[in-house]
Amino acid sequence: MGQGHAETYKKLPNAELVAICDKDAGWLELCRERWEAPHAFSDYREMLELGDLEAISIALPTFLHLPVALAAFEKGKHVLVEKPMAMNAAEGEQMAAAAKAAGKTLMISLNQRFDADVQFLKRYIQEGHLGDVYFARTLWRRPLGGLPSPTLNRPSGIYSGRNWFNEAAKGGGVLRDLGAHVIDVALWLMGYPELEDAVGRAYTQFLPDFLSGTQLIGDADDHSVGFARFKNGASLQIEASFGQHIDHDELITEVFGSKGGAIRWSGRPLKLFGQVSGAYTTTEPRLQERRSSVQEEFVSSVLEGRPPLVTPEQGIAATRIMDAIYSGGGSSASPR
């Protein structure tokens, strides 16, 4: 994900990429040459000492989000952190408090917010076309071939540190990975209502066999389901899977209101449902929204001194739902 951050910053007219950091020396040098980065570090703490460095992107395994963010705020840097925000809501609250104390921006990288269909649907709902939104259903599931590989082929060689996706202690698991996106989109469209409670189940069904013979840990969830209830009476159904007995990838968000409904389905046009002059209709709106990027919004929010589109409070709220699903339900206890 760090590659995407760096490449996007390079294209922005109001930002300059001044430094990159990675512990893989060969990969670091290739990236430094590719992006013509003035500085390259193998230790983020040394990078944070740069005087002309004003903001950083944290594109690291989830368990490292908190310590690196806290170090960045201590050095007076703004922070864009990859999703999920943190290992749990308690860590998210620590990050938010540190950002506030330092007077710096903290934004979570949830890029599906910026898709044209999501932007259109948010405006459509705000204009009242769906009425009162009382229920949403969201899922992202992949066929069994989508289980995370523990290695990655890079031009500098085989990167063998990718198995953290499959390790619960490092913040791996499908709910934190794919689930973070769909939970955020659904909650944003619903207006981020205050959580009453949530229940769910996290399954580790296929990872042990997938990693058998490798001596690698595979104890994170590869399939999770949940149901959240909110204090305004609305509810949300959630499903995320790295591997199921299905034939293709599916990414779906459905939103239902008192006046109409909508469905966002990957690879298909956005559809709106409702009544016009007493007749039930289905329409496919023409999308004219310009798709911006997480990095563009982050930089603009810093320069303009305003809250970013994805706030720390929203990141904490989404993480609290994940905590409840991991705990089995009824609370926001830390996941296993």
C-alpha atoms as a PDB file:
ATOM      1  CA  MET A   1       0.000   0.000   0.000  1.00  0.00           C
ATOM      2  CA  GLY A   2       2.951   2.307   0.530  1.00  0.00           C
ATOM      3  CA  GLN A   3       3.584   2.300  -3.207  1.00  0.00           C
ATOM      4  CA  GLY A   4       0.120   3.677  -3.850  1.00  0.00           C
ATOM      5  CA  HIS A   5       0.606   6.422  -1.267  1.00  0.00           C
ATOM      6  CA  ALA A   6       3.980   7.472  -2.681  1.00  0.00           C
ATOM      7  CA  GLU A   7       2.828   7.465  -6.310  1.00  0.00           C
ATOM      8  CA  THR A   8      -0.229   9.550  -5.480  1.00  0.00           C
ATOM      9  CA  TYR A   9       1.762  12.124  -3.485  1.00  0.00           C
ATOM     10  CA  LYS A  10       4.121  12.476  -6.464  1.00  0.00           C
ATOM     11  CA  LYS A  11       1.175  13.525  -8.647  1.00  0.00           C
ATOM     12  CA  LEU A  12      -0.209  16.152  -6.263  1.00  0.00           C
ATOM     13  CA  PRO A  13       0.700  19.774  -7.080  1.00  0.00           C
ATOM     14  CA  ASN A  14       0.476  20.845  -3.429  1.00  0.00           C
ATOM     15  CA  ALA A  15       2.699  18.154  -1.893  1.00  0.00           C
ATOM     16  CA  GLU A  16       6.286  16.987  -2.209  1.00  0.00           C
ATOM     17  CA  LEU A  17       7.542  13.498  -1.441  1.00  0.00           C
ATOM     18  CA  VAL A  18      10.657  14.056   0.678  1.00  0.00           C
ATOM     19  CA  ALA A  19      11.293  10.686   2.318  1.00  0.00           C
ATOM     20  CA  ILE A  20      10.478   6.981   2.271  1.00  0.00           C
ATOM     21  CA  CYS A  21      11.146   4.271   4.835  1.00  0.00           C
ATOM     22  CA  ASP A  22      11.319   0.461   4.623  1.00  0.00           C
ATOM     23  CA  LYS A  23      13.344  -2.197   6.436  1.00  0.00           C
ATOM     24  CA  ASP A  24      14.136  -4.080   3.185  1.00  0.00           C
ATOM     25  CA  ALA A  25      17.326  -2.399   1.929  1.00  0.00           C
ATOM     26  CA  GLY A  26      17.046  -3.653  -1.656  1.00  0.00           C
ATOM     27  CA  TRP A  27      13.411  -2.653  -1.990  1.00  0.00           C
ATOM     28  CA  LEU A  28      14.094   0.703  -0.336  1.00  0.00           C
ATOM     29  CA  GLU A  29      16.767   1.588  -2.873  1.00  0.00           C
ATOM     30  CA  LEU A  30      14.578   0.589  -5.823  1.00  0.00           C
ATOM     31  CA  CYS A  31      11.737   2.735  -4.493  1.00  0.00           C
ATOM     32  CA  ARG A  32      14.043   5.668  -3.797  1.00  0.00           C
ATOM     33  CA  GLU A  33      15.211   5.635  -7.419  1.00  0.00           C
ATOM     34  CA  ARG A  34      11.712   5.111  -8.793  1.00  0.00           C
ATOM     35  CA  TRP A  35      10.180   8.029  -6.936  1.00  0.00           C
ATOM     36  CA  GLU A  36      13.339  10.166  -6.811  1.00  0.00           C
ATOM     37  CA  ALA A  37      12.930  10.506  -3.062  1.00  0.00           C
ATOM     38  CA  PRO A  38      15.541  12.851  -1.535  1.00  0.00           C
ATOM     39  CA  HIS A  39      15.777  10.754   1.634  1.00  0.00           C
ATOM     40  CA  ALA A  40      15.437   7.038   2.370  1.00  0.00           C
ATOM     41  CA  PHE A  41      15.475   5.407   5.807  1.00  0.00           C
ATOM     42  CA  SER A  42      15.331   1.937   7.296  1.00  0.00           C
ATOM     43  CA  ASP A  43      14.228   3.315  10.703  1.00  0.00           C
ATOM     44  CA  TYR A  44      11.093   5.456  10.917  1.00  0.00           C
ATOM     45  CA  ARG A  45      12.391   7.172  14.053  1.00  0.00           C
ATOM     46  CA  GLU A  46      15.315   8.598  12.094  1.00  0.00           C
ATOM     47  CA  MET A  47      12.953   9.706   9.336  1.00  0.00           C
ATOM     48  CA  LEU A  48      10.774  11.592  11.814  1.00  0.00           C
ATOM     49  CA  GLU A  49      13.768  13.770  12.730  1.00  0.00           C
ATOM     50  CA  LEU A  50      13.660  15.427   9.290  1.00  0.00           C
ATOM     51  CA  GLY A  51      12.876  19.103   9.750  1.00  0.00           C
ATOM     52  CA  ASP A  52      11.178  19.584   6.367  1.00  0.00           C
ATOM     53  CA  LEU A  53       8.950  16.544   6.846  1.00  0.00           C
ATOM     54  CA  GLU A  54       5.449  17.745   7.766  1.00  0.00           C
ATOM     55  CA  ALA A  55       3.216  14.695   7.263  1.00  0.00           C
ATOM     56  CA  ILE A  56       3.571  10.935   6.905  1.00  0.00           C
ATOM     57  CA  SER A  57       1.607   7.968   5.601  1.00  0.00           C
ATOM     58  CA  ILE A  58       1.689   4.856   7.767  1.00  0.00           C
ATOM     59  CA  ALA A  59       1.341   1.860   5.446  1.00  0.00           C
ATOM     60  CA  LEU A  60       2.476  -0.838   7.870  1.00  0.00           C
ATOM     61  CA  PRO A  61       0.952  -3.927   9.482  1.00  0.00           C
ATOM     62  CA  THR A  62      -1.885  -2.967  11.819  1.00  0.00           C
ATOM     63  CA  PHE A  63      -0.053  -3.699  15.079  1.00  0.00           C
ATOM     64  CA  LEU A  64       2.491  -0.987  14.186  1.00  0.00           C
ATOM     65  CA  HIS A  65      -0.043   1.783  13.560  1.00  0.00           C
ATOM     66  CA  LEU A  66      -0.216   2.954  17.171  1.00  0.00           C
ATOM     67  CA  PRO A  67       3.507   3.196  18.034  1.00  0.00           C
ATOM     68  CA  VAL A  68       4.462   4.865  14.753  1.00  0.00           C
ATOM     69  CA  ALA A  69       1.552   7.325  14.937  1.00  0.00           C
ATOM     70  CA  LEU A  70       2.395   8.266  18.519  1.00  0.00           C
ATOM     71  CA  ALA A  71       6.037   8.829  17.550  1.00  0.00           C
ATOM     72  CA  ALA A  72       4.955  10.987  14.605  1.00  0.00           C
ATOM     73  CA  PHE A  73       2.689  13.177  16.718  1.00  0.00           C
ATOM     74  CA  GLU A  74       5.470  13.573  19.288  1.00  0.00           C
ATOM     75  CA  LYS A  75       7.640  14.972  16.490  1.00  0.00           C
ATOM     76  CA  GLY A  76       4.864  17.298  15.287  1.00  0.00           C
ATOM     77  CA  LYS A  77       3.863  15.445  12.101  1.00  0.00           C
ATOM     78  CA  HIS A  78       0.418  15.037  10.559  1.00  0.00           C
ATOM     79  CA  VAL A  79      -0.587  11.396  10.003  1.00  0.00           C
ATOM     80  CA  LEU A  80      -2.489   9.450   7.363  1.00  0.00           C
ATOM     81  CA  VAL A  81      -2.788   5.860   8.569  1.00  0.00           C
ATOM     82  CA  GLU A  82      -3.836   2.831   6.553  1.00  0.00           C
ATOM     83  CA  LYS A  83      -6.999   0.997   7.483  1.00  0.00           C
ATOM     84  CA  PRO A  84      -7.948  -0.350   9.888  1.00  0.00           C
ATOM     85  CA  MET A  85      -7.119   2.546  12.168  1.00  0.00           C
ATOM     86  CA  ALA A  86      -5.705   0.360  14.931  1.00  0.00           C
ATOM     87  CA  MET A  87      -5.791  -3.078  16.534  1.00  0.00           C
ATOM     88  CA  ASN A  88      -8.851  -2.064  18.552  1.00  0.00           C
ATOM     89  CA  ALA A  89     -10.891   0.964  19.562  1.00  0.00           C
ATOM     90  CA  ALA A  90      -8.790   1.591  22.684  1.00  0.00           C
ATOM     91  CA  GLU A  91      -5.681   2.024  20.536  1.00  0.00           C
ATOM     92  CA  GLY A  92      -7.658   4.243  18.167  1.00  0.00           C
ATOM     93  CA  GLU A  93      -8.616   6.467  21.080  1.00  0.00           C
ATOM     94  CA  GLN A  94      -4.950   6.753  22.070  1.00  0.00           C
ATOM     95  CA  MET A  95      -4.063   7.848  18.551  1.00  0.00           C
ATOM     96  CA  ALA A  96      -6.890  10.379  18.421  1.00  0.00           C
ATOM     97  CA  ALA A  97      -5.921  11.843  21.801  1.00  0.00           C
ATOM     98  CA  ALA A  98      -2.277  12.151  20.736  1.00  0.00           C
ATOM     99  CA  ALA A  99      -3.262  13.915  17.509  1.00  0.00           C
ATOM    100  CA  LYS A 100      -5.456  16.363  19.417  1.00  0.00           C
ATOM    101  CA  ALA A 101      -2.764  17.059  21.998  1.00  0.00           C
ATOM    102  CA  ALA A 102      -0.232  17.737  19.234  1.00  0.00           C
ATOM    103  CA  GLY A 103      -2.682  19.857  17.235  1.00  0.00           C
ATOM    104  CA  LYS A 104      -2.105  17.657  14.182  1.00  0.00           C
ATOM    105  CA  THR A 105      -4.336  15.991  11.604  1.00  0.00           C
ATOM    106  CA  LEU A 106      -5.093  12.268  11.849  1.00  0.00           C
ATOM    107  CA  MET A 107      -6.896  10.660   8.914  1.00  0.00           C
ATOM    108  CA  ILE A 108      -7.650   7.017   8.138  1.00  0.00           C
ATOM    109  CA  SER A 109      -7.039   5.746   4.609  1.00  0.00           C
ATOM    110  CA  LEU A 110     -10.448   4.388   3.597  1.00  0.00           C
ATOM    111  CA  ASN A 111     -10.340   4.932  -0.141  1.00  0.00           C
ATOM    112  CA  GLN A 112     -13.750   3.568  -1.115  1.00  0.00           C
ATOM    113  CA  ARG A 113     -15.308   6.712   0.363  1.00  0.00           C
ATOM    114  CA  PHE A 114     -13.893   8.528  -2.660  1.00  0.00           C
ATOM    115  CA  ASP A 115     -15.427   6.303  -5.355  1.00  0.00           C
ATOM    116  CA  ALA A 116     -17.841   8.175  -7.619  1.00  0.00           C
ATOM    117  CA  ASP A 117     -20.806   5.916  -6.814  1.00  0.00           C
ATOM    118  CA  VAL A 118     -20.299   6.290  -3.057  1.00  0.00           C
ATOM    119  CA  GLN A 119     -19.942  10.062  -3.350  1.00  0.00           C
ATOM    120  CA  PHE A 120     -23.130  10.239  -5.436  1.00  0.00           C
ATOM    121  CA  LEU A 121     -25.051   8.010  -3.064  1.00  0.00           C
ATOM    122  CA  LYS A 122     -23.971  10.029  -0.024  1.00  0.00           C
ATOM    123  CA  ARG A 123     -25.267  13.229  -1.610  1.00  0.00           C
ATOM    124  CA  TYR A 124     -28.441  11.467  -2.760  1.00  0.00           C
ATOM    125  CA  ILE A 125     -29.163  10.292   0.779  1.00  0.00           C
ATOM    126  CA  GLN A 126     -28.365  13.700   2.275  1.00  0.00           C
ATOM    127  CA  GLU A 127     -30.869  15.251  -0.110  1.00  0.00           C
ATOM    128  CA  GLY A 128     -33.534  13.029   1.437  1.00  0.00           C
ATOM    129  CA  HIS A 129     -34.328  10.789  -1.532  1.00  0.00           C
ATOM    130  CA  LEU A 130     -34.171   7.566   0.512  1.00  0.00           C
ATOM    131  CA  GLY A 131     -35.957   9.050   3.505  1.00  0.00           C
ATOM    132  CA  ASP A 132     -34.947   7.695   6.899  1.00  0.00           C
ATOM    133  CA  VAL A 133     -32.268   5.029   6.454  1.00  0.00           C
ATOM    134  CA  TYR A 134     -33.167   2.172   8.780  1.00  0.00           C
ATOM    135  CA  PHE A 135     -31.102  -0.752   7.467  1.00  0.00           C
ATOM    136  CA  ALA A 136     -27.987  -1.471   5.425  1.00  0.00           C
ATOM    137  CA  ARG A 137     -26.293  -4.676   4.299  1.00  0.00           C
ATOM    138  CA  THR A 138     -22.669  -4.783   3.243  1.00  0.00           C
ATOM    139  CA  LEU A 139     -20.250  -7.523   2.239  1.00  0.00           C
ATOM    140  CA  TRP A 140     -16.970  -8.192   0.510  1.00  0.00           C
ATOM    141  CA  ARG A 141     -16.155 -11.819  -0.127  1.00  0.00           C
ATOM    142  CA  ARG A 142     -13.710 -13.651  -2.328  1.00  0.00           C
ATOM    143  CA  PRO A 143     -13.475 -17.209  -3.647  1.00  0.00           C
ATOM    144  CA  LEU A 144     -10.971 -19.519  -1.984  1.00  0.00           C
ATOM    145  CA  GLY A 145      -8.180 -18.408  -4.320  1.00  0.00           C
ATOM    146  CA  GLY A 146      -8.220 -15.067  -2.513  1.00  0.00           C
ATOM    147  CA  LEU A 147      -6.571 -16.255   0.704  1.00  0.00           C
ATOM    148  CA  PRO A 148      -3.585 -13.978   1.472  1.00  0.00           C
ATOM    149  CA  SER A 149      -0.256 -15.292   0.252  1.00  0.00           C
ATOM    150  CA  PRO A 150       2.493 -15.197   2.900  1.00  0.00           C
ATOM    151  CA  THR A 151       4.995 -14.001   0.283  1.00  0.00           C
ATOM    152  CA  LEU A 152       5.124 -11.372  -2.455  1.00  0.00           C
ATOM    153  CA  ASN A 153       7.356 -11.239  -5.532  1.00  0.00           C
ATOM    154  CA  ARG A 154       9.198  -7.920  -5.734  1.00  0.00           C
ATOM    155  CA  PRO A 155      11.808  -6.743  -8.250  1.00  0.00           C
ATOM    156  CA  SER A 156      14.271  -6.842  -5.342  1.00  0.00           C
ATOM    157  CA  GLY A 157      13.392 -10.456  -4.517  1.00  0.00           C
ATOM    158  CA  ILE A 158      10.752 -12.442  -2.687  1.00  0.00           C
ATOM    159  CA  TYR A 159       9.273 -10.524   0.233  1.00  0.00           C
ATOM    160  CA  SER A 160       8.498 -13.028   2.982  1.00  0.00           C
ATOM    161  CA  GLY A 161       7.009 -10.699   5.607  1.00  0.00           C
ATOM    162  CA  ARG A 162       3.460 -10.621   4.258  1.00  0.00           C
ATOM    163  CA  ASN A 163       2.054 -13.365   6.465  1.00  0.00           C
ATOM    164  CA  TRP A 164       1.017 -10.785   9.062  1.00  0.00           C
ATOM    165  CA  PHE A 165      -2.283 -10.703   7.126  1.00  0.00           C
ATOM    166  CA  ASN A 166      -2.914 -14.182   8.558  1.00  0.00           C
ATOM    167  CA  GLU A 167      -1.750 -13.527  12.140  1.00  0.00           C
ATOM    168  CA  ALA A 168      -4.274 -12.289  14.693  1.00  0.00           C
ATOM    169  CA  ALA A 169      -1.626 -10.820  17.014  1.00  0.00           C
ATOM    170  CA  LYS A 170      -0.332  -8.581  14.219  1.00  0.00           C
ATOM    171  CA  GLY A 171      -3.730  -7.273  13.227  1.00  0.00           C
ATOM    172  CA  GLY A 172      -4.374  -9.617  10.337  1.00  0.00           C
ATOM    173  CA  GLY A 173      -7.739 -11.040   9.401  1.00  0.00           C
ATOM    174  CA  VAL A 174     -10.365 -10.332   6.815  1.00  0.00           C
ATOM    175  CA  LEU A 175     -12.606  -8.235   9.058  1.00  0.00           C
ATOM    176  CA  ARG A 176      -9.836  -5.702   9.615  1.00  0.00           C
ATOM    177  CA  ASP A 177      -8.774  -5.824   5.955  1.00  0.00           C
ATOM    178  CA  LEU A 178     -11.783  -6.050   3.632  1.00  0.00           C
ATOM    179  CA  GLY A 179     -14.315  -5.511   6.417  1.00  0.00           C
ATOM    180  CA  ALA A 180     -12.853  -2.136   7.374  1.00  0.00           C
ATOM    181  CA  HIS A 181     -13.754  -0.782   3.933  1.00  0.00           C
ATOM    182  CA  VAL A 182     -17.322  -2.020   3.725  1.00  0.00           C
ATOM    183  CA  ILE A 183     -18.148  -1.141   7.327  1.00  0.00           C
ATOM    184  CA  ASP A 184     -16.910   2.399   6.775  1.00  0.00           C
ATOM    185  CA  VAL A 185     -18.833   2.892   3.530  1.00  0.00           C
ATOM    186  CA  ALA A 186     -22.067   1.619   5.074  1.00  0.00           C
ATOM    187  CA  LEU A 187     -21.680   3.686   8.230  1.00  0.00           C
ATOM    188  CA  TRP A 188     -20.822   6.823   6.259  1.00  0.00           C
ATOM    189  CA  LEU A 189     -23.894   6.430   4.063  1.00  0.00           C
ATOM    190  CA  MET A 190     -25.989   5.895   7.193  1.00  0.00           C
ATOM    191  CA  GLY A 191     -24.567   9.048   8.798  1.00  0.00           C
ATOM    192  CA  TYR A 192     -22.312   7.205  11.260  1.00  0.00           C
ATOM    193  CA  PRO A 193     -25.065   6.591  13.847  1.00  0.00           C
ATOM    194  CA  GLU A 194     -24.077   5.917  17.446  1.00  0.00           C
ATOM    195  CA  LEU A 195     -23.585   2.220  18.164  1.00  0.00           C
ATOM    196  CA  GLU A 196     -25.897   0.469  20.625  1.00  0.00           C
ATOM    197  CA  ASP A 197     -24.415  -3.018  20.361  1.00  0.00           C
ATOM    198  CA  ALA A 198     -23.048  -5.552  17.900  1.00  0.00           C
ATOM    199  CA  VAL A 199     -22.735  -9.318  17.685  1.00  0.00           C
ATOM    200  CA  GLY A 200     -20.931 -11.590  15.290  1.00  0.00           C
ATOM    201  CA  ARG A 201     -18.621 -14.471  14.660  1.00  0.00           C
ATOM    202  CA  ALA A 202     -15.072 -14.603  13.320  1.00  0.00           C
ATOM    203  CA  TYR A 203     -14.145 -17.882  11.597  1.00  0.00           C
ATOM    204  CA  THR A 204     -10.688 -19.289  10.922  1.00  0.00           C
ATOM    205  CA  GLN A 205     -11.853 -21.908   8.491  1.00  0.00           C
ATOM    206  CA  PHE A 206      -9.324 -22.334   5.680  1.00  0.00           C
ATOM    207  CA  LEU A 207      -6.080 -20.614   6.737  1.00  0.00           C
ATOM    208  CA  PRO A 208      -4.619 -23.513   8.776  1.00  0.00           C
ATOM    209  CA  ASP A 209      -4.798 -25.892   5.794  1.00  0.00           C
ATOM    210  CA  PHE A 210      -3.701 -23.117   3.408  1.00  0.00           C
ATOM    211  CA  LEU A 211      -0.494 -22.615   5.415  1.00  0.00           C
ATOM    212  CA  SER A 212       0.079 -26.238   6.426  1.00  0.00           C
ATOM    213  CA  GLY A 213       3.665 -27.345   6.001  1.00  0.00           C
ATOM    214  CA  THR A 214       5.000 -23.781   6.123  1.00  0.00           C
ATOM    215  CA  GLN A 215       5.306 -23.480   9.930  1.00  0.00           C
ATOM    216  CA  LEU A 216       3.663 -20.066   9.567  1.00  0.00           C
ATOM    217  CA  ILE A 217       0.904 -18.816  11.848  1.00  0.00           C
ATOM    218  CA  GLY A 218      -2.599 -18.793  10.355  1.00  0.00           C
ATOM    219  CA  ASP A 219      -4.908 -17.965  13.263  1.00  0.00           C
ATOM    220  CA  ALA A 220      -6.606 -14.800  11.945  1.00  0.00           C
ATOM    221  CA  ASP A 221     -10.160 -14.798  10.632  1.00  0.00           C
ATOM    222  CA  ASP A 222     -10.745 -15.653   6.980  1.00  0.00           C
ATOM    223  CA  HIS A 223     -14.537 -15.216   7.220  1.00  0.00           C
ATOM    224  CA  SER A 224     -16.436 -12.924   9.595  1.00  0.00           C
ATOM    225  CA  VAL A 225     -20.078 -11.955   9.937  1.00  0.00           C
ATOM    226  CA  GLY A 226     -21.742  -9.416  12.167  1.00  0.00           C
ATOM    227  CA  PHE A 227     -24.853  -7.451  12.979  1.00  0.00           C
ATOM    228  CA  ALA A 228     -24.799  -3.974  14.516  1.00  0.00           C
ATOM    229  CA  ARG A 229     -27.669  -2.048  16.088  1.00  0.00           C
ATOM    230  CA  PHE A 230     -27.645   1.718  16.525  1.00  0.00           C
ATOM    231  CA  LYS A 231     -29.278   4.028  19.029  1.00  0.00           C
ATOM    232  CA  ASN A 232     -31.380   5.696  16.314  1.00  0.00           C
ATOM    233  CA  GLY A 233     -33.070   2.339  15.584  1.00  0.00           C
ATOM    234  CA  ALA A 234     -31.109   1.507  12.422  1.00  0.00           C
ATOM    235  CA  SER A 235     -29.128  -1.686  11.919  1.00  0.00           C
ATOM    236  CA  LEU A 236     -26.318  -3.033   9.738  1.00  0.00           C
ATOM    237  CA  GLN A 237     -25.498  -6.538   8.488  1.00  0.00           C
ATOM    238  CA  ILE A 238     -21.821  -7.250   7.739  1.00  0.00           C
ATOM    239  CA  GLU A 239     -19.896 -10.034   6.005  1.00  0.00           C
ATOM    240  CA  ALA A 240     -16.259 -10.265   4.929  1.00  0.00           C
ATOM    241  CA  SER A 241     -14.374 -13.256   3.572  1.00  0.00           C
ATOM    242  CA  PHE A 242     -10.931 -14.022   2.165  1.00  0.00           C
ATOM    243  CA  GLY A 243     -12.217 -17.340   0.858  1.00  0.00           C
ATOM    244  CA  GLN A 244     -15.594 -18.984   0.365  1.00  0.00           C
ATOM    245  CA  HIS A 245     -17.082 -21.613  -1.896  1.00  0.00           C
ATOM    246  CA  ILE A 246     -18.217 -19.051  -4.468  1.00  0.00           C
ATOM    247  CA  ASP A 247     -17.143 -18.439  -8.056  1.00  0.00           C
ATOM    248  CA  HIS A 248     -16.246 -14.747  -8.076  1.00  0.00           C
ATOM    249  CA  ASP A 249     -15.375 -11.727  -5.958  1.00  0.00           C
ATOM    250  CA  GLU A 250     -18.376  -9.797  -4.628  1.00  0.00           C
ATOM    251  CA  LEU A 251     -18.435  -6.306  -3.135  1.00  0.00           C
ATOM    252  CA  ILE A 252     -21.948  -5.140  -2.255  1.00  0.00           C
ATOM    253  CA  THR A 253     -23.513  -2.375  -0.173  1.00  0.00           C
ATOM    254  CA  GLU A 254     -27.290  -2.048   0.042  1.00  0.00           C
ATOM    255  CA  VAL A 255     -29.019   0.845   1.791  1.00  0.00           C
ATOM    256  CA  PHE A 256     -32.728   0.876   2.639  1.00  0.00           C
ATOM    257  CA  GLY A 257     -34.795   3.895   3.636  1.00  0.00           C
ATOM    258  CA  SER A 258     -38.416   4.825   4.229  1.00  0.00           C
ATOM    259  CA  LYS A 259     -38.678   6.320   0.702  1.00  0.00           C
ATOM    260  CA  GLY A 260     -36.328   4.157  -1.343  1.00  0.00           C
ATOM    261  CA  GLY A 261     -33.266   1.970  -1.554  1.00  0.00           C
ATOM    262  CA  ALA A 262     -29.946   1.655  -3.349  1.00  0.00           C
ATOM    263  CA  ILE A 263     -27.456  -1.060  -4.208  1.00  0.00           C
ATOM    264  CA  ARG A 264     -23.768  -0.694  -4.962  1.00  0.00           C
ATOM    265  CA  TRP A 265     -22.458  -3.866  -6.561  1.00  0.00           C
ATOM    266  CA  SER A 266     -18.917  -4.155  -7.895  1.00  0.00           C
ATOM    267  CA  GLY A 267     -18.774  -4.361 -11.670  1.00  0.00           C
ATOM    268  CA  ARG A 268     -22.340  -3.152 -12.083  1.00  0.00           C
ATOM    269  CA  PRO A 269     -23.976   0.285 -12.261  1.00  0.00           C
ATOM    270  CA  LEU A 270     -25.305   1.875  -9.085  1.00  0.00           C
ATOM    271  CA  LYS A 271     -29.064   1.256  -8.839  1.00  0.00           C
ATOM    272  CA  LEU A 272     -31.690   3.330  -7.059  1.00  0.00           C
ATOM    273  CA  PHE A 273     -35.145   2.088  -6.098  1.00  0.00           C
ATOM    274  CA  GLY A 274     -38.232   4.060  -5.140  1.00  0.00           C
ATOM    275  CA  GLN A 275     -41.614   5.332  -6.159  1.00  0.00           C
ATOM    276  CA  VAL A 276     -42.316   8.080  -8.685  1.00  0.00           C
ATOM    277  CA  SER A 277     -45.929   9.203  -9.076  1.00  0.00           C
ATOM    278  CA  GLY A 278     -47.084   6.022  -7.367  1.00  0.00           C
ATOM    279  CA  ALA A 279     -45.080   3.704  -9.630  1.00  0.00           C
ATOM    280  CA  TYR A 280     -42.181   1.622  -8.325  1.00  0.00           C
ATOM    281  CA  THR A 281     -39.058   2.449 -10.341  1.00  0.00           C
ATOM    282  CA  THR A 282     -35.469   1.337 -10.775  1.00  0.00           C
ATOM    283  CA  THR A 283     -32.944   3.851 -12.104  1.00  0.00           C
ATOM    284  CA  GLU A 284     -29.241   3.877 -12.882  1.00  0.00           C
ATOM    285  CA  PRO A 285     -27.974   7.404 -12.223  1.00  0.00           C
ATOM    286  CA  ARG A 286     -25.379   9.081 -14.369  1.00  0.00           C
ATOM    287  CA  LEU A 287     -22.346   9.636 -12.164  1.00  0.00           C
ATOM    288  CA  GLN A 288     -20.559  12.945 -12.602  1.00  0.00           C
ATOM    289  CA  GLU A 289     -18.630  13.053  -9.326  1.00  0.00           C
ATOM    290  CA  ARG A 290     -14.877  13.487  -9.686  1.00  0.00           C
ATOM    291  CA  ARG A 291     -12.971  10.746  -7.934  1.00  0.00           C
ATOM    292  CA  SER A 292     -10.352  12.261  -5.694  1.00  0.00           C
ATOM    293  CA  SER A 293      -7.898  10.300  -3.547  1.00  0.00           C
ATOM    294  CA  VAL A 294      -7.270   9.752   0.138  1.00  0.00           C
ATOM    295  CA  GLN A 295      -3.910  11.492  -0.193  1.00  0.00           C
ATOM    296  CA  GLU A 296      -5.407  14.506  -1.977  1.00  0.00           C
ATOM    297  CA  GLU A 297      -7.993  14.920   0.791  1.00  0.00           C
ATOM    298  CA  PHE A 298      -5.363  14.452   3.492  1.00  0.00           C
ATOM    299  CA  VAL A 299      -3.036  17.095   2.064  1.00  0.00           C
ATOM    300  CA  SER A 300      -5.891  19.530   1.436  1.00  0.00           C
ATOM    301  CA  SER A 301      -7.254  19.129   4.967  1.00  0.00           C
ATOM    302  CA  VAL A 302      -3.812  19.823   6.433  1.00  0.00           C
ATOM    303  CA  LEU A 303      -3.223  22.902   4.280  1.00  0.00           C
ATOM    304  CA  GLU A 304      -6.729  24.242   4.894  1.00  0.00           C
ATOM    305  CA  GLY A 305      -6.653  23.514   8.620  1.00  0.00           C
ATOM    306  CA  ARG A 306      -9.942  21.598   8.598  1.00  0.00           C
ATOM    307  CA  PRO A 307     -11.007  18.110   9.679  1.00  0.00           C
ATOM    308  CA  PRO A 308     -10.409  15.433   7.006  1.00  0.00           C
ATOM    309  CA  LEU A 309     -13.272  13.578   5.349  1.00  0.00           C
ATOM    310  CA  VAL A 310     -12.406  10.422   7.314  1.00  0.00           C
ATOM    311  CA  THR A 311     -12.081  11.483  10.946  1.00  0.00           C
ATOM    312  CA  PRO A 312     -10.458   9.692  13.900  1.00  0.00           C
ATOM    313  CA  GLU A 313     -13.864   9.485  15.598  1.00  0.00           C
ATOM    314  CA  GLN A 314     -15.259   7.596  12.614  1.00  0.00           C
ATOM    315  CA  GLY A 315     -12.267   5.277  12.567  1.00  0.00           C
ATOM    316  CA  ILE A 316     -12.825   4.499  16.238  1.00  0.00           C
ATOM    317  CA  ALA A 317     -16.555   3.884  15.703  1.00  0.00           C
ATOM    318  CA  ALA A 318     -15.894   1.399  12.889  1.00  0.00           C
ATOM    319  CA  THR A 319     -13.182  -0.337  14.937  1.00  0.00           C
ATOM    320  CA  ARG A 320     -15.566  -0.649  17.874  1.00  0.00           C
ATOM    321  CA  ILE A 321     -17.903  -2.733  15.697  1.00  0.00           C
ATOM    322  CA  MET A 322     -15.001  -4.967  14.670  1.00  0.00           C
ATOM    323  CA  ASP A 323     -14.038  -5.365  18.341  1.00  0.00           C
ATOM    324  CA  ALA A 324     -17.552  -6.550  19.164  1.00  0.00           C
ATOM    325  CA  ILE A 325     -17.571  -9.074  16.308  1.00  0.00           C
ATOM    326  CA  TYR A 326     -14.202 -10.470  17.375  1.00  0.00           C
ATOM    327  CA  SER A 327     -15.383 -10.762  20.974  1.00  0.00           C
ATOM    328  CA  GLY A 328     -18.501 -12.656  19.896  1.00  0.00           C
ATOM    329  CA  GLY A 329     -20.874  -9.783  20.512  1.00  0.00           C
ATOM    330  CA  GLY A 330     -22.491  -7.560  23.038  1.00  0.00           C
ATOM    331  CA  SER A 331     -19.481  -5.400  23.830  1.00  0.00           C
ATOM    332  CA  SER A 332     -16.489  -3.648  22.355  1.00  0.00           C
ATOM    333  CA  ALA A 333     -13.879  -5.762  24.116  1.00  0.00           C
ATOM    334  CA  SER A 334     -10.429  -6.155  22.584  1.00  0.00           C
ATOM    335  CA  PRO A 335     -10.293  -8.904  19.926  1.00  0.00           C
ATOM    336  CA  ARG A 336      -8.614 -12.194  20.651  1.00  0.00           C
END
